[in-house]
Amino acid sequence: MKTLGRHLLIELYGCEPDALDDLARVRSAMLEAAVAVGAEKVGESFHPFTPQGISGTVVIAESHLSIHTWPEHGYAAVDVYTCGGLDPRPGIAVLKRALVADEVRTEEILRGLPDELDAHAQLRPSDVRVLAGEFGFPAPDGGAPASRIGLDRAAGWFSEGTVPGTRQGNITHGFRMTRVVCQRTTPYQELAIFDSPVYGRVVVLDGIVQLSTADEAVYHELLVHPAMLAHPAPRRVLIVGGGDGGTLREVLRHDPDEVVMIDIDREVVALCAEHLPTLSDGAFADPRLTLLHMDASQVIADYADHFDVAIINSNNGNDAIGPSTPLFGAPFYAKVARALRPDGICSVQGGSFLDPEFLELTRDNIAEQLPQVVVRRLTVPCYHCGEYGFLVATRRCSAAGPGADVLAARLAERGFGPVLKHYSPQVHHASLVYPPSSRFAR
């Protein structure tokens, strides 16, 4: 694909109705957004409607910005299209502030010329699979596009054999299915959701199990609470990934002021909200959330010294493939560290203990920026290898967190009550215990 422009779709919810019906204010916001993205204005047109609402366009040398408002719904829809290398994202904060929005949802589309269409015969099968979904091409053998998801509907089994690392080609993990709830190829990955008699509802991305409703609390509580409780006052929180909503659900238990969640795949978020509503438990409707469907490796660069806690919930550690690839290298963690405040804490899903070299590499990449690092052990039964490692990292304070008495006091102060299924102050510290021979022993 030869990229010719970047198209940002911005939806603003919970806006102040008077702001959306004020022609001068809407015009000023759009012109300020154009300045923020570094564009050159060449024209404009704004029109108020009766009884309410405004449409407007700012024509820029690099394309355009457009808006339509619905004051009666507190909602505005904005398009920002830029070419010539301009980044349209700085306009988001301008519009959110000017229109007093409670929530912003954003999706970015790279626009351009699909060079692959002219060389279809030379495409790899995986490329043809993606193009078939987008352009209607058949697979090379004339049948359905190839899938990495190991669903055998006729036999009623799912086979997980695509996990990278030492397990690839050496272990197959099987689940009997009672129902295939959903199977979809998005622009970024393949999603499957099925029901299992043992694990409940199971989510699979690109052939790799992400979670099950039977044990998701182990995963989400150990990813979120050790970092959130280690910080005395986590007011601003970043979540990368986590499209199922479980991480967001647990973060909101701490009553932060602001949560920025970045998950590139809008369809995965929507389908998980539809088919696994208990995972998010209404969290996506929380007004403190800003949900961005964008490339996290780029968006994080827009923040500096902003977050108290960052939670990296990208695909399972060894899934450093597809849309998650940029989220595992040292440059990404440098951006995360820059986005954290000096006393900030980072929690990262690491990977399987069957691939210790990958865990060590992740730990070393993080430690270049946040030198105090611990690796926590937890068992997630639905995973290809049940025992996984999560990392917590800080600049100065202990990544292991405070003592059990302080953790218990913070849980009480934040009004948790008996809502947690797995995490406790005792589990917090037990997850750091390793055999003496382990390379991760502290």
Protein backbone atom coordinates (compact mmCIF):
# COMPACT_ATOMS: atom_id res chain seq x y z
CA MET A 1 0.00 0.00 0.00
CA LYS A 2 1.32 3.40 -0.98
CA THR A 3 -0.04 5.73 1.69
CA LEU A 4 -1.39 8.99 0.28
CA GLY A 5 -3.15 10.30 3.35
CA ARG A 6 -4.35 9.69 6.90
CA HIS A 7 -8.08 9.78 7.63
CA LEU A 8 -9.14 10.21 11.25
CA LEU A 9 -12.76 9.49 12.23
CA ILE A 10 -13.52 11.20 15.55
CA GLU A 11 -16.70 10.70 17.55
CA LEU A 12 -17.28 12.99 20.54
CA TYR A 13 -19.86 11.91 23.15
CA GLY A 14 -21.34 13.71 26.15
CA CYS A 15 -20.54 17.13 24.70
CA GLU A 16 -21.99 20.32 26.14
CA PRO A 17 -25.14 20.98 24.01
CA ASP A 18 -24.66 24.75 23.98
CA ALA A 19 -21.12 24.30 22.67
CA LEU A 20 -22.38 22.13 19.80
CA ASP A 21 -24.96 24.76 18.81
CA ASP A 22 -22.61 27.75 19.02
CA LEU A 23 -21.46 28.54 15.47
CA ALA A 24 -18.57 30.75 16.56
CA ARG A 25 -17.33 28.14 19.04
CA VAL A 26 -17.54 25.23 16.61
CA ARG A 27 -15.78 27.26 13.91
CA SER A 28 -13.05 28.32 16.33
CA ALA A 29 -12.54 24.71 17.48
CA MET A 30 -12.15 23.44 13.94
CA LEU A 31 -9.73 26.22 12.97
CA GLU A 32 -7.69 25.57 16.11
CA ALA A 33 -7.62 21.85 15.30
CA ALA A 34 -6.31 22.68 11.81
CA VAL A 35 -3.53 24.73 13.38
CA ALA A 36 -2.74 21.90 15.82
CA VAL A 37 -2.14 19.43 12.99
CA GLY A 38 0.09 21.95 11.20
CA ALA A 39 -2.21 22.44 8.22
CA GLU A 40 -2.46 25.42 5.88
CA LYS A 41 -6.04 26.74 5.69
CA VAL A 42 -7.26 27.68 2.21
CA GLY A 43 -11.00 28.00 2.84
CA GLU A 44 -13.91 27.36 5.19
CA SER A 45 -17.70 27.02 5.25
CA PHE A 46 -19.97 26.64 8.29
CA HIS A 47 -23.76 26.49 8.38
CA PRO A 48 -26.20 26.48 11.37
CA PHE A 49 -29.44 24.51 11.11
CA THR A 50 -32.89 25.16 12.58
CA PRO A 51 -33.78 24.26 15.25
CA GLN A 52 -30.22 23.19 16.11
CA GLY A 53 -27.00 21.64 14.81
CA ILE A 54 -24.05 22.82 12.76
CA SER A 55 -22.18 21.48 9.72
CA GLY A 56 -18.86 22.85 8.67
CA THR A 57 -15.71 22.24 6.68
CA VAL A 58 -12.24 23.69 6.84
CA VAL A 59 -10.44 23.22 3.53
CA ILE A 60 -6.71 22.86 3.99
CA ALA A 61 -3.91 22.55 1.48
CA GLU A 62 -3.45 19.02 2.79
CA SER A 63 -7.18 18.10 2.33
CA HIS A 64 -9.92 18.94 4.88
CA LEU A 65 -11.54 18.87 8.32
CA SER A 66 -15.33 18.47 8.57
CA ILE A 67 -17.87 18.35 11.41
CA HIS A 68 -21.56 17.80 12.04
CA THR A 69 -23.11 18.31 15.48
CA TRP A 70 -26.22 16.95 17.18
CA PRO A 71 -26.70 19.18 20.26
CA GLU A 72 -29.81 17.26 21.32
CA HIS A 73 -27.66 14.12 21.70
CA GLY A 74 -24.47 15.79 22.93
CA TYR A 75 -22.72 14.20 19.96
CA ALA A 76 -20.43 15.40 17.18
CA ALA A 77 -18.86 13.53 14.26
CA VAL A 78 -15.60 14.85 12.84
CA ASP A 79 -13.43 13.80 9.89
CA VAL A 80 -9.83 14.95 9.69
CA TYR A 81 -8.05 13.99 6.49
CA THR A 82 -4.42 14.97 5.93
CA CYS A 83 -1.83 14.19 3.31
CA GLY A 84 1.71 15.40 2.79
CA GLY A 85 2.92 13.60 5.91
CA LEU A 86 0.82 15.60 8.40
CA ASP A 87 -0.31 13.81 11.56
CA PRO A 88 -4.05 14.45 12.16
CA ARG A 89 -4.06 13.25 15.80
CA PRO A 90 -3.13 16.50 17.60
CA GLY A 91 -6.58 17.82 16.66
CA ILE A 92 -8.28 15.29 18.97
CA ALA A 93 -7.40 17.02 22.25
CA VAL A 94 -8.35 20.43 20.82
CA LEU A 95 -11.84 19.27 19.87
CA LYS A 96 -12.43 17.36 23.10
CA ARG A 97 -11.57 20.44 25.15
CA ALA A 98 -13.43 22.98 23.03
CA LEU A 99 -16.66 20.94 22.81
CA VAL A 100 -16.46 19.74 26.44
CA ALA A 101 -16.71 16.06 25.48
CA ASP A 102 -16.87 13.33 28.11
CA GLU A 103 -15.71 10.59 25.74
CA VAL A 104 -13.84 10.43 22.46
CA ARG A 105 -13.66 7.41 20.15
CA THR A 106 -11.29 7.51 17.23
CA GLU A 107 -10.39 5.34 14.28
CA GLU A 108 -7.58 5.99 11.83
CA ILE A 109 -7.58 4.76 8.22
CA LEU A 110 -4.51 4.95 6.03
CA ARG A 111 -5.66 5.92 2.54
CA GLY A 112 -3.74 5.11 -0.59
CA LEU A 113 -3.10 2.88 -3.56
CA PRO A 114 -3.03 -0.91 -3.05
CA ASP A 115 0.07 -1.74 -5.08
CA GLU A 116 -0.53 -5.43 -4.32
CA LEU A 117 -3.48 -5.48 -6.70
CA ASP A 118 -1.12 -5.19 -9.66
CA ALA A 119 0.97 -8.11 -8.47
CA HIS A 120 -1.75 -10.45 -7.25
CA ALA A 121 -0.07 -13.51 -8.70
CA GLN A 122 3.01 -12.91 -6.56
CA LEU A 123 1.19 -12.52 -3.24
CA ARG A 124 1.77 -14.91 -0.37
CA PRO A 125 -1.29 -16.96 0.72
CA SER A 126 -1.59 -14.86 3.88
CA ASP A 127 -1.68 -11.70 1.78
CA VAL A 128 -4.38 -13.18 -0.44
CA ARG A 129 -6.42 -14.01 2.65
CA VAL A 130 -6.41 -10.37 3.73
CA LEU A 131 -7.12 -9.07 0.23
CA ALA A 132 -9.91 -11.60 -0.25
CA GLY A 133 -11.68 -10.16 2.77
CA GLU A 134 -11.23 -6.59 1.54
CA PHE A 135 -11.47 -6.86 -2.24
CA GLY A 136 -13.32 -10.11 -2.96
CA PHE A 137 -10.42 -12.04 -4.50
CA PRO A 138 -10.60 -15.84 -4.27
CA ALA A 139 -7.90 -17.84 -2.55
CA PRO A 140 -5.21 -19.33 -4.87
CA ASP A 141 -7.00 -22.69 -5.03
CA GLY A 142 -10.34 -21.05 -5.77
CA GLY A 143 -11.72 -21.99 -2.35
CA ALA A 144 -12.21 -20.01 0.82
CA PRO A 145 -9.31 -17.87 2.06
CA ALA A 146 -6.94 -19.72 4.36
CA SER A 147 -7.46 -19.25 8.10
CA ARG A 148 -5.02 -19.46 10.98
CA ILE A 149 -7.88 -20.23 13.38
CA GLY A 150 -7.99 -23.96 14.05
CA LEU A 151 -11.77 -24.39 14.11
CA ASP A 152 -13.09 -27.75 12.95
CA ARG A 153 -16.81 -27.10 13.00
CA ALA A 154 -17.71 -30.56 11.72
CA ALA A 155 -15.79 -32.33 14.49
CA GLY A 156 -16.66 -29.69 17.09
CA TRP A 157 -13.04 -29.03 18.10
CA PHE A 158 -10.69 -26.07 18.23
CA SER A 159 -6.96 -26.81 17.92
CA GLU A 160 -4.45 -24.21 19.08
CA GLY A 161 -1.16 -24.89 17.35
CA THR A 162 -0.03 -21.48 16.10
CA VAL A 163 1.72 -20.14 19.19
CA PRO A 164 5.26 -18.98 18.29
CA GLY A 165 8.35 -19.98 20.21
CA THR A 166 9.48 -23.46 21.17
CA ARG A 167 5.87 -24.70 21.24
CA GLN A 168 5.30 -24.01 17.53
CA GLY A 169 4.84 -27.34 15.77
CA ASN A 170 5.57 -29.31 18.95
CA ILE A 171 2.40 -28.98 21.03
CA THR A 172 -1.27 -28.86 20.11
CA HIS A 173 -3.82 -27.60 22.62
CA GLY A 174 -7.37 -28.83 21.97
CA PHE A 175 -10.81 -27.62 23.11
CA ARG A 176 -14.13 -29.30 22.44
CA MET A 177 -16.65 -26.70 21.29
CA THR A 178 -20.35 -26.73 21.98
CA ARG A 179 -21.02 -23.67 19.80
CA VAL A 180 -19.14 -21.29 17.54
CA VAL A 181 -20.49 -17.91 18.60
CA CYS A 182 -18.60 -15.71 16.16
CA GLN A 183 -15.87 -15.97 13.53
CA ARG A 184 -14.69 -12.82 11.78
CA THR A 185 -11.68 -11.58 9.81
CA THR A 186 -11.08 -7.93 10.69
CA PRO A 187 -8.65 -5.62 8.84
CA TYR A 188 -6.02 -6.60 11.43
CA GLN A 189 -6.56 -10.18 12.60
CA GLU A 190 -8.87 -13.18 12.77
CA LEU A 191 -11.28 -13.43 15.69
CA ALA A 192 -13.16 -16.48 16.89
CA ILE A 193 -15.43 -16.80 19.91
CA PHE A 194 -16.72 -20.22 20.91
CA ASP A 195 -18.32 -21.95 23.89
CA SER A 196 -16.49 -24.72 25.75
CA PRO A 197 -17.97 -27.15 28.32
CA VAL A 198 -14.91 -26.57 30.54
CA TYR A 199 -13.86 -22.96 30.00
CA GLY A 200 -17.14 -21.24 29.20
CA ARG A 201 -16.82 -18.67 26.43
CA VAL A 202 -13.37 -18.53 24.79
CA VAL A 203 -11.82 -15.74 22.69
CA VAL A 204 -9.21 -16.55 20.03
CA LEU A 205 -7.13 -14.12 17.94
CA ASP A 206 -5.10 -15.41 14.99
CA GLY A 207 -5.42 -18.93 16.30
CA ILE A 208 -4.18 -18.12 19.83
CA VAL A 209 -6.42 -18.29 22.91
CA GLN A 210 -6.68 -14.89 24.59
CA LEU A 211 -9.06 -15.62 27.47
CA SER A 212 -11.93 -17.68 28.76
CA THR A 213 -14.74 -16.59 31.03
CA ALA A 214 -13.81 -19.42 33.42
CA ASP A 215 -10.41 -17.99 34.37
CA GLU A 216 -10.24 -14.43 33.00
CA ALA A 217 -10.29 -13.02 36.54
CA VAL A 218 -6.89 -14.60 37.25
CA TYR A 219 -5.44 -12.88 34.21
CA HIS A 220 -7.04 -9.45 34.57
CA GLU A 221 -6.70 -9.10 38.33
CA LEU A 222 -2.99 -10.04 38.33
CA LEU A 223 -2.28 -7.77 35.37
CA VAL A 224 -4.02 -4.73 36.88
CA HIS A 225 -4.02 -4.71 40.68
CA PRO A 226 -0.33 -5.24 41.55
CA ALA A 227 0.55 -2.06 39.61
CA MET A 228 -2.52 -0.03 40.56
CA LEU A 229 -2.15 -0.83 44.27
CA ALA A 230 1.61 -0.23 44.24
CA HIS A 231 0.84 3.38 43.30
CA PRO A 232 -0.59 5.48 46.15
CA ALA A 233 -2.86 7.54 43.89
CA PRO A 234 -3.27 6.29 40.29
CA ARG A 235 -5.32 9.11 38.74
CA ARG A 236 -4.38 8.75 35.06
CA VAL A 237 -4.11 5.30 33.50
CA LEU A 238 -3.06 4.06 30.06
CA ILE A 239 -4.24 0.71 28.69
CA VAL A 240 -2.73 -0.69 25.50
CA GLY A 241 -4.81 -3.50 23.99
CA GLY A 242 -7.43 -5.17 26.14
CA GLY A 243 -10.22 -5.06 23.58
CA ASP A 244 -12.36 -7.50 25.59
CA GLY A 245 -12.77 -4.86 28.32
CA GLY A 246 -11.64 -6.95 31.30
CA THR A 247 -8.57 -4.84 32.02
CA LEU A 248 -10.61 -1.65 31.79
CA ARG A 249 -13.19 -3.12 34.18
CA GLU A 250 -10.54 -3.79 36.81
CA VAL A 251 -8.81 -0.41 36.35
CA LEU A 252 -12.06 1.45 36.95
CA ARG A 253 -12.44 -0.23 40.35
CA HIS A 254 -9.66 2.12 41.52
CA ASP A 255 -11.74 5.20 40.60
CA PRO A 256 -9.16 6.98 38.40
CA ASP A 257 -9.84 10.41 36.93
CA GLU A 258 -8.89 9.44 33.37
CA VAL A 259 -8.31 6.26 31.38
CA VAL A 260 -6.89 6.29 27.86
CA MET A 261 -7.34 2.93 26.15
CA ILE A 262 -5.70 2.25 22.78
CA ASP A 263 -6.79 -0.80 20.82
CA ILE A 264 -6.28 -0.70 17.07
CA ASP A 265 -9.10 -3.12 16.23
CA ARG A 266 -12.53 -1.51 16.52
CA GLU A 267 -14.29 -4.71 15.42
CA VAL A 268 -12.74 -6.85 18.15
CA VAL A 269 -13.81 -4.34 20.80
CA ALA A 270 -17.37 -4.24 19.43
CA LEU A 271 -17.71 -8.01 19.05
CA CYS A 272 -16.37 -8.71 22.54
CA ALA A 273 -18.76 -6.14 24.00
CA GLU A 274 -21.60 -7.87 22.16
CA HIS A 275 -20.75 -11.49 22.89
CA LEU A 276 -18.96 -11.19 26.26
CA PRO A 277 -20.79 -8.33 28.03
CA THR A 278 -19.77 -9.53 31.50
CA LEU A 279 -16.11 -8.96 30.63
CA SER A 280 -16.43 -5.20 30.30
CA ASP A 281 -19.48 -4.98 32.60
CA GLY A 282 -20.46 -1.59 31.17
CA ALA A 283 -16.94 -0.16 31.38
CA PHE A 284 -16.92 1.12 27.80
CA ALA A 285 -19.74 3.55 28.68
CA ASP A 286 -17.73 5.15 31.51
CA PRO A 287 -17.29 8.90 30.83
CA ARG A 288 -13.70 8.85 32.12
CA LEU A 289 -12.65 6.66 29.19
CA THR A 290 -11.03 7.90 26.00
CA LEU A 291 -11.02 4.93 23.58
CA LEU A 292 -8.69 5.24 20.60
CA HIS A 293 -8.68 2.73 17.72
CA MET A 294 -5.18 3.60 16.55
CA ASP A 295 -1.61 2.31 16.49
CA ALA A 296 -0.47 2.48 20.11
CA SER A 297 3.20 2.58 19.13
CA GLN A 298 2.48 5.94 17.46
CA VAL A 299 -0.17 7.41 19.76
CA ILE A 300 1.86 7.04 22.96
CA ALA A 301 4.44 9.42 21.53
CA ASP A 302 1.84 12.21 21.90
CA TYR A 303 1.91 11.87 25.69
CA ALA A 304 4.72 12.95 27.99
CA ASP A 305 4.88 12.80 31.78
CA HIS A 306 1.13 12.09 31.82
CA PHE A 307 0.21 8.68 33.24
CA ASP A 308 0.56 7.24 36.72
CA VAL A 309 0.11 3.64 35.53
CA ALA A 310 0.49 2.04 32.09
CA ILE A 311 -0.90 -1.45 31.47
CA ILE A 312 0.29 -3.21 28.33
CA ASN A 313 -2.33 -5.85 27.56
CA SER A 314 -1.39 -6.72 23.99
CA ASN A 315 -1.71 -10.23 22.59
CA ASN A 316 -0.25 -13.06 24.63
CA GLY A 317 3.44 -12.46 25.15
CA ASN A 318 4.74 -14.78 22.46
CA ASP A 319 2.18 -13.37 20.02
CA ALA A 320 4.66 -10.77 18.78
CA ILE A 321 3.01 -11.00 15.39
CA GLY A 322 0.43 -9.07 13.40
CA PRO A 323 -0.80 -5.77 14.88
CA SER A 324 1.06 -6.44 18.14
CA THR A 325 4.52 -6.65 16.57
CA PRO A 326 5.58 -3.04 17.35
CA LEU A 327 4.59 -3.45 21.01
CA PHE A 328 7.40 -5.76 22.06
CA GLY A 329 10.60 -3.88 21.25
CA ALA A 330 12.77 -1.50 23.25
CA PRO A 331 11.63 1.58 21.23
CA PHE A 332 8.04 1.00 22.33
CA TYR A 333 8.97 0.78 26.00
CA ALA A 334 10.99 3.98 25.63
CA LYS A 335 7.74 5.69 24.56
CA VAL A 336 5.85 4.13 27.46
CA ALA A 337 8.47 5.33 29.95
CA ARG A 338 8.30 8.85 28.50
CA ALA A 339 4.50 8.83 28.90
CA LEU A 340 4.78 7.88 32.59
CA ARG A 341 5.23 10.36 35.39
CA PRO A 342 8.45 10.02 37.45
CA ASP A 343 6.74 7.74 39.99
CA GLY A 344 4.81 5.88 37.29
CA ILE A 345 4.37 2.12 37.19
CA CYS A 346 4.11 -0.16 34.15
CA SER A 347 2.47 -3.60 34.03
CA VAL A 348 3.11 -5.84 31.03
CA GLN A 349 1.81 -9.20 29.94
CA GLY A 350 5.00 -11.14 29.35
CA GLY A 351 4.55 -14.67 28.05
CA SER A 352 4.92 -18.36 28.69
CA PHE A 353 7.56 -19.83 30.96
CA LEU A 354 8.11 -22.42 28.22
CA ASP A 355 9.80 -19.57 26.34
CA PRO A 356 12.00 -18.03 29.05
CA GLU A 357 14.28 -16.38 26.51
CA PHE A 358 11.37 -14.27 25.27
CA LEU A 359 10.44 -13.32 28.84
CA GLU A 360 14.04 -12.36 29.55
CA LEU A 361 14.22 -10.24 26.40
CA THR A 362 11.00 -8.42 27.35
CA ARG A 363 12.33 -7.84 30.85
CA ASP A 364 15.63 -6.49 29.52
CA ASN A 365 13.89 -4.19 27.01
CA ILE A 366 11.76 -2.71 29.78
CA ALA A 367 14.66 -2.44 32.21
CA GLU A 368 16.52 -0.13 29.82
CA GLN A 369 13.88 2.49 30.65
CA LEU A 370 12.33 1.35 33.95
CA PRO A 371 15.15 -0.45 35.77
CA GLN A 372 13.20 -1.82 38.74
CA VAL A 373 11.50 -4.91 37.26
CA VAL A 374 9.90 -8.02 38.70
CA VAL A 375 8.31 -10.97 36.88
CA ARG A 376 5.13 -12.34 38.45
CA ARG A 377 4.00 -15.94 38.08
CA LEU A 378 0.38 -16.88 37.49
CA THR A 379 -1.50 -19.86 36.19
CA VAL A 380 -4.13 -19.36 33.49
CA PRO A 381 -5.50 -22.87 32.77
CA CYS A 382 -6.94 -22.07 29.32
CA TYR A 383 -3.54 -21.00 27.98
CA HIS A 384 -1.30 -23.18 25.82
CA CYS A 385 1.16 -23.29 28.71
CA GLY A 386 -0.71 -22.67 31.95
CA GLU A 387 2.06 -20.75 33.73
CA TYR A 388 2.69 -17.24 32.46
CA GLY A 389 4.80 -14.28 33.51
CA PHE A 390 3.60 -10.69 33.94
CA LEU A 391 6.09 -7.89 34.50
CA VAL A 392 5.85 -4.81 36.70
CA ALA A 393 8.44 -2.06 36.24
CA THR A 394 9.24 1.32 37.81
CA ARG A 395 12.01 3.89 37.75
CA ARG A 396 12.84 4.09 41.44
CA CYS A 397 10.32 2.55 43.82
CA SER A 398 10.11 -1.18 44.44
CA ALA A 399 8.34 -2.95 41.59
CA ALA A 400 7.36 -5.66 44.10
CA GLY A 401 5.01 -3.20 45.74
CA PRO A 402 4.37 -2.43 49.43
CA GLY A 403 3.74 -4.93 52.18
CA ALA A 404 0.52 -6.89 52.54
CA ASP A 405 -0.79 -4.58 55.26
CA VAL A 406 -0.44 -1.50 53.03
CA LEU A 407 -2.03 -3.34 50.11
CA ALA A 408 -4.98 -4.36 52.30
CA ALA A 409 -5.39 -0.78 53.53
CA ARG A 410 -5.42 0.55 49.97
CA LEU A 411 -8.00 -2.01 48.91
CA ALA A 412 -10.22 -0.84 51.78
CA GLU A 413 -9.64 2.84 51.02
CA ARG A 414 -10.66 2.30 47.40
CA GLY A 415 -13.86 0.53 48.43
CA PHE A 416 -13.19 -2.84 46.86
CA GLY A 417 -15.17 -5.05 49.19
CA PRO A 418 -15.61 -8.73 48.19
CA VAL A 419 -15.46 -8.15 44.42
CA LEU A 420 -12.13 -9.82 43.62
CA LYS A 421 -12.05 -13.48 42.63
CA HIS A 422 -8.31 -14.13 42.62
CA TYR A 423 -6.15 -11.22 43.74
CA SER A 424 -5.30 -10.64 47.39
CA PRO A 425 -2.35 -9.01 49.19
CA GLN A 426 -1.05 -12.52 49.91
CA VAL A 427 -1.35 -13.58 46.24
CA HIS A 428 0.38 -10.31 45.30
CA HIS A 429 3.59 -11.40 47.04
CA ALA A 430 3.20 -15.14 46.46
CA SER A 431 3.35 -14.48 42.71
CA LEU A 432 6.98 -13.39 43.18
CA VAL A 433 8.14 -16.67 44.72
CA TYR A 434 10.32 -18.86 42.44
CA PRO A 435 12.41 -22.00 42.89
CA PRO A 436 16.05 -21.13 43.71
CA SER A 437 17.16 -22.45 40.30
CA SER A 438 14.88 -20.11 38.34
CA ARG A 439 16.48 -17.36 36.27
CA PHE A 440 13.66 -15.09 37.46
CA ALA A 441 14.25 -15.57 41.20
CA ARG A 442 14.86 -12.23 42.92
